[in-house]
Protein backbone atom coordinates (compact mmCIF):
# COMPACT_ATOMS: atom_id res chain seq x y z
CA GLU A 1 41.61 7.07 -25.78
CA VAL A 2 38.43 7.31 -27.79
CA ILE A 3 35.17 5.88 -26.46
CA ARG A 4 32.48 5.06 -29.01
CA PHE A 5 28.90 4.18 -28.13
CA THR A 6 26.46 2.15 -30.20
CA GLU A 7 23.08 0.78 -29.12
CA GLY A 8 24.59 -2.42 -27.76
CA CYS A 9 28.32 -1.80 -27.36
CA VAL A 10 30.94 0.47 -25.89
CA ARG A 11 34.26 0.46 -27.76
CA ILE A 12 37.38 1.91 -26.14
CA GLU A 13 40.19 2.61 -28.61
CA PHE A 14 43.76 3.21 -27.46
CA GLY A 15 46.39 4.84 -29.61
CA MET A 16 48.62 7.83 -30.28
CA VAL A 17 47.89 10.91 -32.34
CA GLY A 18 49.13 10.28 -35.87
CA ARG A 19 49.54 6.54 -35.31
CA GLY A 20 45.89 5.52 -35.23
CA VAL A 21 44.29 2.85 -33.09
CA GLN A 22 46.84 0.47 -31.56
CA SER A 23 44.37 -1.61 -29.54
CA SER A 24 40.71 -1.64 -28.64
CA VAL A 25 38.25 -3.26 -26.25
CA THR A 26 34.54 -3.77 -26.90
CA LEU A 27 32.14 -4.14 -23.97
CA SER A 28 28.41 -4.81 -23.73
CA ARG A 29 26.75 -1.44 -23.15
CA SER A 30 23.96 -2.79 -20.96
CA TRP A 31 26.42 -4.49 -18.58
CA THR A 32 29.11 -1.78 -18.47
CA ARG A 33 29.46 0.58 -15.53
CA ALA A 34 31.83 3.50 -14.99
CA VAL A 35 33.47 3.13 -11.57
CA LEU A 36 35.71 5.64 -9.83
CA GLU A 37 38.06 3.97 -7.35
CA PRO A 38 40.25 5.70 -4.77
CA GLY A 39 44.01 5.52 -5.20
CA ALA A 40 46.17 3.01 -3.36
CA ASN A 41 46.99 5.63 -0.71
CA ALA A 42 45.93 9.16 0.27
CA ASN A 43 48.25 10.80 -2.30
CA ALA A 44 47.58 8.41 -5.18
CA PRO A 45 45.24 9.50 -7.99
CA THR A 46 41.80 7.98 -8.41
CA ARG A 47 41.23 5.33 -11.07
CA LEU A 48 38.38 5.45 -13.59
CA LEU A 49 37.36 1.99 -14.72
CA LEU A 50 34.84 0.65 -17.20
CA ARG A 51 33.62 -2.69 -15.87
CA SER A 52 31.55 -5.25 -17.69
CA GLY A 53 31.27 -8.62 -15.99
CA ALA A 54 34.82 -9.89 -15.44
CA GLN A 55 36.33 -7.33 -17.84
CA CYS A 56 37.83 -4.15 -16.44
CA VAL A 57 39.47 -1.35 -18.45
CA GLU A 58 41.20 1.65 -16.88
CA ILE A 59 40.73 4.92 -18.76
CA ALA A 60 41.54 8.62 -18.36
CA THR A 61 44.88 8.14 -16.60
CA CYS A 62 46.08 11.51 -17.94
CA LEU A 63 43.20 13.45 -16.32
CA THR A 64 43.06 15.03 -12.88
CA ASP A 65 40.92 13.51 -10.11
CA GLU A 66 38.29 16.21 -10.64
CA GLU A 67 38.19 15.59 -14.41
CA ARG A 68 37.89 11.82 -13.86
CA GLU A 69 34.98 12.41 -11.47
CA LYS A 70 33.13 14.53 -14.05
CA LEU A 71 33.87 12.01 -16.80
CA GLN A 72 32.63 9.13 -14.61
CA ARG A 73 29.29 10.87 -14.08
CA ARG A 74 28.88 11.60 -17.79
CA LEU A 75 29.86 8.08 -18.83
CA GLN A 76 27.37 6.59 -16.37
CA GLU A 77 24.63 8.77 -17.88
CA LEU A 78 25.51 7.48 -21.35
CA LEU A 79 25.77 3.88 -20.18
CA SER A 80 22.45 3.75 -18.32
CA PRO A 81 20.27 1.28 -20.18
CA ALA A 82 17.01 2.43 -21.68
CA TRP A 83 14.99 0.15 -19.39
CA ARG A 84 16.01 2.26 -16.39
CA GLU A 85 14.06 5.21 -17.71
CA SER A 86 10.39 5.38 -16.76
CA PRO A 87 8.42 4.57 -19.90
CA VAL A 88 5.00 6.03 -20.38
CA VAL A 89 2.55 3.21 -19.84
CA PRO A 90 -0.81 3.64 -21.55
CA ALA A 91 -3.82 3.53 -19.29
CA VAL A 92 -5.76 0.30 -19.36
CA VAL A 93 -9.11 0.81 -21.00
CA PRO A 94 -11.81 -1.56 -19.72
CA GLU A 95 -13.39 -3.72 -22.37
CA GLN A 96 -16.67 -2.40 -23.64
CA SER A 97 -19.45 -4.88 -24.06
CA LEU A 98 -21.22 -4.65 -27.38
CA PRO A 99 -24.47 -6.39 -28.13
CA PHE A 100 -23.99 -9.42 -30.35
CA GLY A 101 -24.63 -8.63 -34.01
CA GLU A 102 -24.16 -4.90 -33.86
């Protein structure tokens, strides 16, 4: 699996080494979240999912639970939309009154 990020999209490509991309899924970056779900039972591995609206794609099935947890945190950092960051807002400067004609 290869995950590519652009400003507006996340593209997940599936394939085999030497065979190229066999399938791909493109999701809206601003709506996509990386979700780590517990396995079906106590001994089952966790599942790492990329969710965007009704779409859900499982990734990283070959990783360990610990590796999936680290990847989930990193993906969520990369997916966080820019509007979540605190922008620097300029201070409001009160209007200055100037005499008419000057």
